[in-house]
Amino acid sequence: MWKEIGVIASVVTALSFIVASIIALISLLVNNRLRRTDLLNSLFEKFFYQSKYAEIRKISTIRTNTKI
């Protein structure tokens, strides 16, 4: 009987480890997407809302609108 309880405990431990690993992976992927979104938002705000980048925006717009 004790042997079966040990086997059941091992199986439950292994399943718990697998479930916890899957949850951790999903959490990591979601957090990475949020971090990238925050970074892109920050770059957008810095580039388009700060006047010190106006010249760079102008050059970028001119180059993208010019046909080669």
N, C-alpha and C. Protein backbone atom coordinates (compact mmCIF):
# COMPACT_ATOMS: atom_id res chain seq x y z
N MET A 1 0.81 -1.20 0.00
CA MET A 1 0.00 0.00 0.00
C MET A 1 0.86 1.27 0.00
N TRP A 2 1.91 1.28 0.81
CA TRP A 2 2.78 2.46 0.87
C TRP A 2 3.50 2.67 -0.46
N LYS A 3 3.79 1.57 -1.13
CA LYS A 3 4.46 1.66 -2.43
C LYS A 3 3.55 2.35 -3.44
N GLU A 4 2.25 2.02 -3.43
CA GLU A 4 1.30 2.65 -4.35
C GLU A 4 1.13 4.13 -4.04
N ILE A 5 1.14 4.47 -2.76
CA ILE A 5 1.03 5.89 -2.38
C ILE A 5 2.25 6.66 -2.86
N GLY A 6 3.42 6.03 -2.77
CA GLY A 6 4.64 6.66 -3.28
C GLY A 6 4.59 6.88 -4.78
N VAL A 7 4.06 5.90 -5.50
CA VAL A 7 3.94 6.02 -6.96
C VAL A 7 2.94 7.12 -7.31
N ILE A 8 1.81 7.15 -6.60
CA ILE A 8 0.81 8.19 -6.84
C ILE A 8 1.39 9.57 -6.55
N ALA A 9 2.14 9.68 -5.46
CA ALA A 9 2.76 10.96 -5.11
C ALA A 9 3.76 11.39 -6.18
N SER A 10 4.50 10.45 -6.72
CA SER A 10 5.46 10.77 -7.79
C SER A 10 4.74 11.24 -9.05
N VAL A 11 3.66 10.59 -9.40
CA VAL A 11 2.89 10.97 -10.59
C VAL A 11 2.28 12.35 -10.39
N VAL A 12 1.71 12.61 -9.21
CA VAL A 12 1.11 13.92 -8.93
C VAL A 12 2.19 15.00 -8.97
N THR A 13 3.36 14.70 -8.42
CA THR A 13 4.46 15.68 -8.45
C THR A 13 4.89 15.97 -9.88
N ALA A 14 5.01 14.95 -10.70
CA ALA A 14 5.42 15.14 -12.09
C ALA A 14 4.37 15.94 -12.86
N LEU A 15 3.10 15.63 -12.65
CA LEU A 15 2.04 16.38 -13.33
C LEU A 15 2.00 17.83 -12.86
N SER A 16 2.21 18.04 -11.58
CA SER A 16 2.25 19.41 -11.05
C SER A 16 3.40 20.19 -11.67
N PHE A 17 4.54 19.55 -11.83
CA PHE A 17 5.70 20.19 -12.45
C PHE A 17 5.40 20.57 -13.90
N ILE A 18 4.76 19.67 -14.62
CA ILE A 18 4.43 19.93 -16.03
C ILE A 18 3.43 21.09 -16.14
N VAL A 19 2.40 21.08 -15.32
CA VAL A 19 1.39 22.16 -15.35
C VAL A 19 2.03 23.49 -14.96
N ALA A 20 2.86 23.49 -13.92
CA ALA A 20 3.53 24.72 -13.50
C ALA A 20 4.46 25.24 -14.59
N SER A 21 5.14 24.35 -15.29
CA SER A 21 6.03 24.76 -16.39
C SER A 21 5.24 25.40 -17.52
N ILE A 22 4.10 24.82 -17.85
CA ILE A 22 3.27 25.37 -18.93
C ILE A 22 2.74 26.75 -18.53
N ILE A 23 2.30 26.89 -17.30
CA ILE A 23 1.80 28.19 -16.83
C ILE A 23 2.93 29.23 -16.83
N ALA A 24 4.12 28.83 -16.41
CA ALA A 24 5.26 29.75 -16.41
C ALA A 24 5.62 30.17 -17.83
N LEU A 25 5.58 29.26 -18.77
CA LEU A 25 5.89 29.57 -20.18
C LEU A 25 4.87 30.54 -20.76
N ILE A 26 3.60 30.29 -20.49
CA ILE A 26 2.56 31.20 -20.98
C ILE A 26 2.73 32.59 -20.38
N SER A 27 3.01 32.63 -19.09
CA SER A 27 3.23 33.91 -18.41
C SER A 27 4.42 34.66 -19.01
N LEU A 28 5.49 33.93 -19.29
CA LEU A 28 6.68 34.54 -19.89
C LEU A 28 6.37 35.12 -21.26
N LEU A 29 5.63 34.38 -22.08
CA LEU A 29 5.30 34.85 -23.42
C LEU A 29 4.40 36.09 -23.36
N VAL A 30 3.42 36.09 -22.47
CA VAL A 30 2.54 37.25 -22.32
C VAL A 30 3.34 38.46 -21.84
N ASN A 31 4.21 38.26 -20.86
CA ASN A 31 5.01 39.37 -20.34
C ASN A 31 5.96 39.92 -21.40
N ASN A 32 6.52 39.05 -22.23
CA ASN A 32 7.40 39.53 -23.30
C ASN A 32 6.63 40.37 -24.31
N ARG A 33 5.42 39.96 -24.65
CA ARG A 33 4.60 40.75 -25.58
C ARG A 33 4.28 42.11 -24.98
N LEU A 34 3.93 42.13 -23.69
CA LEU A 34 3.64 43.41 -23.03
C LEU A 34 4.87 44.30 -22.97
N ARG A 35 6.02 43.71 -22.69
CA ARG A 35 7.26 44.48 -22.63
C ARG A 35 7.61 45.08 -23.99
N ARG A 36 7.44 44.27 -25.06
CA ARG A 36 7.70 44.79 -26.41
C ARG A 36 6.72 45.89 -26.79
N THR A 37 5.46 45.72 -26.39
CA THR A 37 4.46 46.75 -26.67
C THR A 37 4.80 48.04 -25.96
N ASP A 38 5.21 47.95 -24.70
CA ASP A 38 5.61 49.15 -23.95
C ASP A 38 6.82 49.82 -24.59
N LEU A 39 7.78 49.02 -25.03
CA LEU A 39 8.97 49.57 -25.67
C LEU A 39 8.61 50.29 -26.97
N LEU A 40 7.78 49.67 -27.79
CA LEU A 40 7.38 50.31 -29.05
C LEU A 40 6.57 51.58 -28.80
N ASN A 41 5.73 51.55 -27.79
CA ASN A 41 4.96 52.74 -27.43
C ASN A 41 5.88 53.86 -26.98
N SER A 42 6.88 53.52 -26.19
CA SER A 42 7.84 54.52 -25.72
C SER A 42 8.64 55.11 -26.88
N LEU A 43 9.07 54.24 -27.79
CA LEU A 43 9.82 54.74 -28.96
C LEU A 43 8.94 55.63 -29.82
N PHE A 44 7.69 55.24 -30.02
CA PHE A 44 6.77 56.05 -30.80
C PHE A 44 6.59 57.43 -30.18
N GLU A 45 6.36 57.45 -28.85
CA GLU A 45 6.17 58.73 -28.17
C GLU A 45 7.41 59.60 -28.27
N LYS A 46 8.57 59.01 -28.09
CA LYS A 46 9.81 59.79 -28.15
C LYS A 46 10.04 60.34 -29.56
N PHE A 47 9.78 59.52 -30.56
CA PHE A 47 10.08 59.92 -31.93
C PHE A 47 9.08 60.93 -32.48
N PHE A 48 7.81 60.75 -32.20
CA PHE A 48 6.80 61.59 -32.82
C PHE A 48 6.35 62.77 -31.97
N TYR A 49 6.60 62.73 -30.67
CA TYR A 49 6.11 63.81 -29.83
C TYR A 49 7.20 64.74 -29.32
N GLN A 50 8.45 64.41 -29.54
CA GLN A 50 9.53 65.30 -29.11
C GLN A 50 10.03 66.09 -30.30
N SER A 51 10.17 67.37 -30.11
CA SER A 51 10.54 68.26 -31.22
C SER A 51 11.99 68.06 -31.67
N LYS A 52 12.83 67.48 -30.82
CA LYS A 52 14.23 67.34 -31.21
C LYS A 52 14.42 66.30 -32.34
N TYR A 53 13.40 65.49 -32.62
CA TYR A 53 13.47 64.52 -33.70
C TYR A 53 12.73 65.00 -34.95
N ALA A 54 12.32 66.24 -34.98
CA ALA A 54 11.55 66.75 -36.11
C ALA A 54 12.34 66.66 -37.42
N GLU A 55 13.62 66.99 -37.38
CA GLU A 55 14.44 66.96 -38.58
C GLU A 55 14.58 65.52 -39.11
N ILE A 56 14.75 64.58 -38.21
CA ILE A 56 14.86 63.17 -38.62
C ILE A 56 13.54 62.70 -39.22
N ARG A 57 12.42 63.10 -38.63
CA ARG A 57 11.12 62.72 -39.19
C ARG A 57 10.95 63.31 -40.58
N LYS A 58 11.37 64.55 -40.75
CA LYS A 58 11.24 65.19 -42.05
C LYS A 58 12.06 64.45 -43.10
N ILE A 59 13.30 64.11 -42.77
CA ILE A 59 14.16 63.38 -43.71
C ILE A 59 13.56 62.01 -44.02
N SER A 60 13.09 61.34 -42.99
CA SER A 60 12.49 60.01 -43.18
C SER A 60 11.27 60.09 -44.09
N THR A 61 10.44 61.09 -43.90
CA THR A 61 9.25 61.26 -44.72
C THR A 61 9.62 61.57 -46.16
N ILE A 62 10.60 62.42 -46.37
CA ILE A 62 11.02 62.77 -47.71
C ILE A 62 11.58 61.54 -48.43
N ARG A 63 12.39 60.75 -47.74
CA ARG A 63 12.99 59.57 -48.39
C ARG A 63 11.95 58.50 -48.70
N THR A 64 10.97 58.35 -47.86
CA THR A 64 9.97 57.31 -48.13
C THR A 64 8.99 57.74 -49.20
N ASN A 65 8.80 59.05 -49.39
CA ASN A 65 7.86 59.53 -50.40
C ASN A 65 8.53 59.72 -51.76
N THR A 66 9.83 59.74 -51.82
CA THR A 66 10.55 59.93 -53.06
C THR A 66 10.66 58.59 -53.78
N LYS A 67 10.27 58.59 -55.06
CA LYS A 67 10.39 57.37 -55.86
C LYS A 67 11.76 57.34 -56.50
N ILE A 68 12.32 56.17 -56.50
CA ILE A 68 13.69 56.02 -57.07
C ILE A 68 13.58 55.53 -58.49
